[in-house]
């Protein structure tokens, strides 16, 4: 029986990745194994692996982060506290019944946050 799915995302620069996820998105760094990191937020775990040859501008990595409530507040919090984040899409309602916004992490991974309307 499957109990969870844990995304494994690349990082080019470990310090930049830790700063972004811990200081800007408020994840907790649970483990640092050098070339492998484990972070957590709200009981959801994300793993990171070293990929030094990745070119962030050419990255095709993406992850969808489902939010259960208050996506507007989360969007405003990130936007006001960290205006220098690399925004891909401001908060908008999609035809498929989701409110979504997207931003890029330092390694070029697209993070889309979505909540059902």
N, C-alpha and C. Protein backbone atom coordinates (compact mmCIF):
# COMPACT_ATOMS: atom_id res chain seq x y z
N UNK A 1 0.84 -1.17 0.00
CA UNK A 1 0.00 0.00 0.00
C UNK A 1 0.89 1.24 0.00
N UNK A 2 0.60 2.19 -0.88
CA UNK A 2 1.35 3.45 -0.93
C UNK A 2 0.87 4.35 0.20
N UNK A 3 1.81 4.91 0.95
CA UNK A 3 1.45 5.79 2.06
C UNK A 3 1.81 7.25 1.79
N UNK A 4 2.74 7.50 0.87
CA UNK A 4 3.05 8.88 0.51
C UNK A 4 3.93 8.90 -0.74
N UNK A 5 3.99 10.06 -1.37
CA UNK A 5 4.88 10.30 -2.49
C UNK A 5 5.75 11.48 -2.10
N UNK A 6 7.05 11.32 -2.24
CA UNK A 6 7.98 12.36 -1.83
C UNK A 6 8.75 12.85 -3.06
N UNK A 7 8.59 14.12 -3.42
CA UNK A 7 9.35 14.63 -4.56
C UNK A 7 10.84 14.70 -4.24
N UNK A 8 11.65 14.40 -5.26
CA UNK A 8 13.10 14.54 -5.18
C UNK A 8 13.48 15.60 -6.21
N UNK A 9 13.96 16.73 -5.73
CA UNK A 9 14.26 17.87 -6.59
C UNK A 9 15.77 18.12 -6.64
N UNK A 10 16.26 18.63 -7.76
CA UNK A 10 17.70 18.88 -7.88
C UNK A 10 18.11 20.19 -7.22
N UNK A 11 19.36 20.25 -6.81
CA UNK A 11 19.93 21.54 -6.42
C UNK A 11 21.31 21.69 -7.05
N UNK A 12 21.57 22.93 -7.48
CA UNK A 12 22.87 23.28 -8.04
C UNK A 12 23.79 23.75 -6.91
N UNK A 13 23.28 24.64 -6.08
CA UNK A 13 24.04 25.21 -4.98
C UNK A 13 23.31 24.93 -3.68
N UNK A 14 23.93 24.16 -2.80
CA UNK A 14 23.27 23.74 -1.57
C UNK A 14 22.90 24.92 -0.68
N UNK A 15 23.80 25.87 -0.49
CA UNK A 15 23.52 27.02 0.39
C UNK A 15 22.34 27.84 -0.13
N UNK A 16 22.29 28.06 -1.44
CA UNK A 16 21.17 28.81 -2.03
C UNK A 16 19.85 28.06 -1.85
N UNK A 17 19.90 26.75 -2.01
CA UNK A 17 18.69 25.93 -1.86
C UNK A 17 18.19 25.95 -0.43
N UNK A 18 19.10 25.79 0.52
CA UNK A 18 18.70 25.84 1.92
C UNK A 18 18.13 27.20 2.27
N UNK A 19 18.79 28.27 1.84
CA UNK A 19 18.29 29.62 2.13
C UNK A 19 16.88 29.81 1.56
N UNK A 20 16.68 29.42 0.31
CA UNK A 20 15.39 29.59 -0.35
C UNK A 20 14.28 28.84 0.39
N UNK A 21 14.48 27.56 0.60
CA UNK A 21 13.42 26.75 1.20
C UNK A 21 13.22 27.02 2.69
N UNK A 22 14.30 27.24 3.43
CA UNK A 22 14.19 27.46 4.87
C UNK A 22 13.81 28.91 5.19
N UNK A 23 14.53 29.87 4.63
CA UNK A 23 14.31 31.27 4.98
C UNK A 23 13.18 31.94 4.22
N UNK A 24 12.91 31.48 3.02
CA UNK A 24 11.89 32.15 2.24
C UNK A 24 10.56 31.37 2.21
N UNK A 25 10.61 30.06 2.07
CA UNK A 25 9.38 29.28 2.03
C UNK A 25 9.05 28.64 3.37
N UNK A 26 9.92 28.81 4.35
CA UNK A 26 9.70 28.37 5.74
C UNK A 26 9.61 26.86 5.90
N UNK A 27 10.43 26.12 5.16
CA UNK A 27 10.59 24.70 5.38
C UNK A 27 11.58 24.51 6.52
N UNK A 28 11.61 23.32 7.08
CA UNK A 28 12.60 22.97 8.11
C UNK A 28 13.59 21.99 7.50
N UNK A 29 14.88 22.27 7.65
CA UNK A 29 15.91 21.35 7.20
C UNK A 29 15.98 20.21 8.21
N UNK A 30 15.61 19.01 7.80
CA UNK A 30 15.60 17.85 8.69
C UNK A 30 16.93 17.10 8.65
N UNK A 31 17.53 16.98 7.46
CA UNK A 31 18.78 16.23 7.32
C UNK A 31 19.62 16.81 6.19
N UNK A 32 20.93 16.84 6.44
CA UNK A 32 21.89 17.30 5.43
C UNK A 32 22.98 16.24 5.32
N UNK A 33 22.96 15.50 4.21
CA UNK A 33 23.94 14.45 3.96
C UNK A 33 24.96 14.89 2.91
N UNK A 34 25.20 16.19 2.82
CA UNK A 34 26.16 16.70 1.85
C UNK A 34 25.52 16.90 0.49
N UNK A 35 25.42 15.82 -0.28
CA UNK A 35 24.82 15.89 -1.62
C UNK A 35 23.35 15.51 -1.62
N UNK A 36 22.76 15.38 -0.41
CA UNK A 36 21.35 15.00 -0.31
C UNK A 36 20.75 15.69 0.91
N UNK A 37 19.62 16.37 0.69
CA UNK A 37 18.95 17.11 1.75
C UNK A 37 17.53 16.59 1.92
N UNK A 38 17.02 16.68 3.15
CA UNK A 38 15.62 16.37 3.42
C UNK A 38 15.03 17.56 4.17
N UNK A 39 13.93 18.09 3.65
CA UNK A 39 13.25 19.21 4.27
C UNK A 39 11.78 18.86 4.48
N UNK A 40 11.13 19.62 5.37
CA UNK A 40 9.74 19.34 5.69
C UNK A 40 9.00 20.64 5.98
N UNK A 41 7.73 20.67 5.60
CA UNK A 41 6.84 21.78 5.94
C UNK A 41 5.44 21.20 6.08
N UNK A 42 4.78 21.52 7.16
CA UNK A 42 3.40 21.09 7.39
C UNK A 42 3.24 19.57 7.24
N UNK A 43 4.24 18.82 7.68
CA UNK A 43 4.16 17.37 7.61
C UNK A 43 4.45 16.77 6.25
N UNK A 44 4.83 17.61 5.28
CA UNK A 44 5.15 17.14 3.93
C UNK A 44 6.66 17.19 3.74
N UNK A 45 7.22 16.09 3.30
CA UNK A 45 8.66 15.96 3.12
C UNK A 45 9.04 16.18 1.66
N UNK A 46 10.17 16.84 1.44
CA UNK A 46 10.74 17.03 0.11
C UNK A 46 12.23 16.68 0.22
N UNK A 47 12.73 15.92 -0.74
CA UNK A 47 14.13 15.55 -0.78
C UNK A 47 14.81 16.32 -1.92
N UNK A 48 16.10 16.56 -1.76
CA UNK A 48 16.89 17.29 -2.75
C UNK A 48 18.18 16.55 -3.01
N UNK A 49 18.58 16.48 -4.28
CA UNK A 49 19.83 15.83 -4.64
C UNK A 49 20.72 16.80 -5.41
N UNK A 50 22.02 16.65 -5.24
CA UNK A 50 22.98 17.51 -5.91
C UNK A 50 22.99 17.23 -7.41
N UNK A 51 22.93 18.31 -8.20
CA UNK A 51 22.95 18.22 -9.66
C UNK A 51 23.72 19.45 -10.15
N UNK A 52 25.05 19.48 -9.91
CA UNK A 52 25.84 20.69 -10.19
C UNK A 52 25.90 21.10 -11.65
N UNK A 53 25.67 20.18 -12.57
CA UNK A 53 25.74 20.54 -13.99
C UNK A 53 24.40 21.06 -14.54
N UNK A 54 23.37 21.05 -13.71
CA UNK A 54 22.06 21.55 -14.15
C UNK A 54 22.13 23.04 -14.44
N UNK A 55 21.58 23.45 -15.55
CA UNK A 55 21.49 24.87 -15.90
C UNK A 55 20.08 25.31 -15.52
N UNK A 56 19.94 26.14 -14.46
CA UNK A 56 18.60 26.50 -13.97
C UNK A 56 17.65 27.03 -15.04
N UNK A 57 18.15 27.82 -15.97
CA UNK A 57 17.29 28.39 -17.02
C UNK A 57 16.76 27.32 -17.97
N UNK A 58 17.37 26.16 -17.98
CA UNK A 58 16.95 25.08 -18.88
C UNK A 58 16.29 23.92 -18.12
N UNK A 59 16.06 24.11 -16.83
CA UNK A 59 15.49 23.03 -16.03
C UNK A 59 14.05 22.74 -16.42
N UNK A 60 13.72 21.46 -16.50
CA UNK A 60 12.35 21.02 -16.77
C UNK A 60 11.70 20.43 -15.53
N UNK A 61 12.35 20.55 -14.37
CA UNK A 61 11.80 19.99 -13.14
C UNK A 61 10.64 20.85 -12.66
N UNK A 62 9.57 20.16 -12.21
CA UNK A 62 8.38 20.85 -11.70
C UNK A 62 7.77 20.04 -10.57
N UNK A 63 7.09 20.72 -9.67
CA UNK A 63 6.35 20.04 -8.62
C UNK A 63 5.09 20.86 -8.34
N UNK A 64 3.99 20.15 -8.10
CA UNK A 64 2.71 20.79 -7.78
C UNK A 64 2.48 20.63 -6.29
N UNK A 65 2.26 21.73 -5.60
CA UNK A 65 2.08 21.73 -4.14
C UNK A 65 0.62 22.07 -3.87
N UNK A 66 -0.14 21.09 -3.41
CA UNK A 66 -1.56 21.32 -3.14
C UNK A 66 -1.73 21.96 -1.77
N UNK A 67 -2.52 23.03 -1.72
CA UNK A 67 -2.82 23.78 -0.51
C UNK A 67 -4.28 23.51 -0.15
N UNK A 68 -4.57 23.30 1.15
CA UNK A 68 -5.96 23.01 1.50
C UNK A 68 -6.78 24.25 1.81
N UNK A 69 -6.16 25.30 2.37
CA UNK A 69 -6.89 26.55 2.67
C UNK A 69 -5.95 27.74 2.55
N UNK A 70 -6.54 28.91 2.40
CA UNK A 70 -5.84 30.20 2.48
C UNK A 70 -4.69 30.39 1.49
N UNK A 71 -4.87 29.97 0.25
CA UNK A 71 -3.81 30.17 -0.74
C UNK A 71 -3.54 31.66 -0.97
N UNK A 72 -4.60 32.47 -0.84
CA UNK A 72 -4.42 33.91 -1.01
C UNK A 72 -3.45 34.46 0.03
N UNK A 73 -3.60 34.02 1.28
CA UNK A 73 -2.70 34.47 2.36
C UNK A 73 -1.28 34.02 2.13
N UNK A 74 -1.11 32.77 1.69
CA UNK A 74 0.24 32.26 1.42
C UNK A 74 0.89 33.05 0.30
N UNK A 75 0.14 33.31 -0.77
CA UNK A 75 0.65 34.09 -1.89
C UNK A 75 1.07 35.48 -1.42
N UNK A 76 0.20 36.16 -0.68
CA UNK A 76 0.52 37.52 -0.20
C UNK A 76 1.72 37.50 0.75
N UNK A 77 1.81 36.48 1.59
CA UNK A 77 2.95 36.37 2.50
C UNK A 77 4.25 36.26 1.72
N UNK A 78 4.31 35.35 0.75
CA UNK A 78 5.53 35.19 -0.04
C UNK A 78 5.83 36.44 -0.85
N UNK A 79 4.80 37.02 -1.44
CA UNK A 79 4.98 38.19 -2.32
C UNK A 79 5.46 39.40 -1.53
N UNK A 80 4.90 39.64 -0.34
CA UNK A 80 5.28 40.83 0.43
C UNK A 80 6.60 40.65 1.18
N UNK A 81 6.85 39.45 1.71
CA UNK A 81 8.08 39.23 2.48
C UNK A 81 9.30 39.01 1.58
N UNK A 82 9.07 38.50 0.37
CA UNK A 82 10.18 38.13 -0.51
C UNK A 82 9.90 38.57 -1.95
N UNK A 83 9.84 39.87 -2.20
CA UNK A 83 9.50 40.35 -3.55
C UNK A 83 10.52 39.96 -4.62
N UNK A 84 11.73 39.59 -4.20
CA UNK A 84 12.76 39.23 -5.18
C UNK A 84 12.66 37.78 -5.66
N UNK A 85 11.70 37.03 -5.13
CA UNK A 85 11.52 35.66 -5.62
C UNK A 85 11.26 35.69 -7.12
N UNK A 86 11.66 34.65 -7.80
CA UNK A 86 11.46 34.57 -9.25
C UNK A 86 10.03 34.05 -9.51
N UNK A 87 9.13 34.99 -9.74
CA UNK A 87 7.71 34.65 -9.96
C UNK A 87 7.49 34.23 -11.40
N UNK A 88 6.77 33.16 -11.58
CA UNK A 88 6.41 32.68 -12.91
C UNK A 88 4.97 33.05 -13.22
N UNK A 89 4.10 32.93 -12.21
CA UNK A 89 2.67 33.20 -12.41
C UNK A 89 2.10 33.73 -11.10
N UNK A 90 1.45 34.89 -11.17
CA UNK A 90 0.75 35.41 -10.00
C UNK A 90 -0.51 34.59 -9.76
N UNK A 91 -1.10 34.76 -8.60
CA UNK A 91 -2.28 34.00 -8.22
C UNK A 91 -3.43 34.26 -9.20
N UNK A 92 -3.97 33.17 -9.74
CA UNK A 92 -5.13 33.28 -10.63
C UNK A 92 -5.94 32.00 -10.57
N UNK A 93 -7.21 32.12 -10.94
CA UNK A 93 -8.10 30.96 -10.98
C UNK A 93 -8.02 30.35 -12.37
N UNK A 94 -7.79 29.05 -12.39
CA UNK A 94 -7.64 28.32 -13.66
C UNK A 94 -8.96 27.68 -14.06
N UNK A 95 -9.15 27.39 -15.35
CA UNK A 95 -10.39 26.76 -15.82
C UNK A 95 -10.65 25.39 -15.19
N UNK A 96 -9.62 24.74 -14.70
CA UNK A 96 -9.78 23.41 -14.11
C UNK A 96 -10.14 23.46 -12.62
N UNK A 97 -10.55 24.64 -12.13
CA UNK A 97 -11.08 24.77 -10.78
C UNK A 97 -10.04 24.88 -9.69
N UNK A 98 -8.88 25.40 -10.02
CA UNK A 98 -7.81 25.60 -9.04
C UNK A 98 -7.39 27.07 -9.04
N UNK A 99 -7.09 27.59 -7.84
CA UNK A 99 -6.38 28.86 -7.73
C UNK A 99 -4.92 28.49 -7.63
N UNK A 100 -4.08 29.11 -8.46
CA UNK A 100 -2.67 28.72 -8.52
C UNK A 100 -1.75 29.93 -8.63
N UNK A 101 -0.54 29.75 -8.11
CA UNK A 101 0.57 30.65 -8.40
C UNK A 101 1.83 29.81 -8.53
N UNK A 102 2.81 30.33 -9.28
CA UNK A 102 4.04 29.57 -9.52
C UNK A 102 5.25 30.46 -9.33
N UNK A 103 6.31 29.85 -8.82
CA UNK A 103 7.60 30.52 -8.71
C UNK A 103 8.69 29.51 -8.96
N UNK A 104 9.90 30.00 -9.14
CA UNK A 104 11.04 29.14 -9.43
C UNK A 104 11.99 29.12 -8.25
N UNK A 105 12.54 27.95 -7.96
CA UNK A 105 13.57 27.88 -6.93
C UNK A 105 14.92 28.22 -7.56
N UNK A 106 15.99 28.34 -6.79
CA UNK A 106 17.29 28.75 -7.34
C UNK A 106 17.85 27.81 -8.41
N UNK A 107 17.39 26.56 -8.44
CA UNK A 107 17.88 25.60 -9.43
C UNK A 107 16.97 25.50 -10.64
N UNK A 108 15.95 26.34 -10.71
CA UNK A 108 15.07 26.39 -11.87
C UNK A 108 13.86 25.49 -11.78
N UNK A 109 13.64 24.83 -10.65
CA UNK A 109 12.45 24.00 -10.48
C UNK A 109 11.22 24.89 -10.35
N UNK A 110 10.21 24.63 -11.15
CA UNK A 110 8.94 25.36 -11.08
C UNK A 110 8.11 24.78 -9.96
N UNK A 111 7.75 25.61 -8.99
CA UNK A 111 6.88 25.23 -7.89
C UNK A 111 5.53 25.87 -8.11
N UNK A 112 4.51 25.07 -8.37
CA UNK A 112 3.16 25.60 -8.52
C UNK A 112 2.37 25.22 -7.28
N UNK A 113 1.80 26.23 -6.65
CA UNK A 113 0.96 26.05 -5.48
C UNK A 113 -0.48 26.17 -5.92
N UNK A 114 -1.33 25.20 -5.54
CA UNK A 114 -2.71 25.22 -5.99
C UNK A 114 -3.69 24.81 -4.91
N UNK A 115 -4.87 25.43 -4.98
CA UNK A 115 -5.97 25.12 -4.06
C UNK A 115 -7.25 25.02 -4.85
N UNK A 116 -8.06 24.02 -4.54
CA UNK A 116 -9.35 23.88 -5.20
C UNK A 116 -10.25 25.06 -4.88
N UNK A 117 -10.98 25.51 -5.88
CA UNK A 117 -11.89 26.65 -5.73
C UNK A 117 -13.17 26.18 -5.08
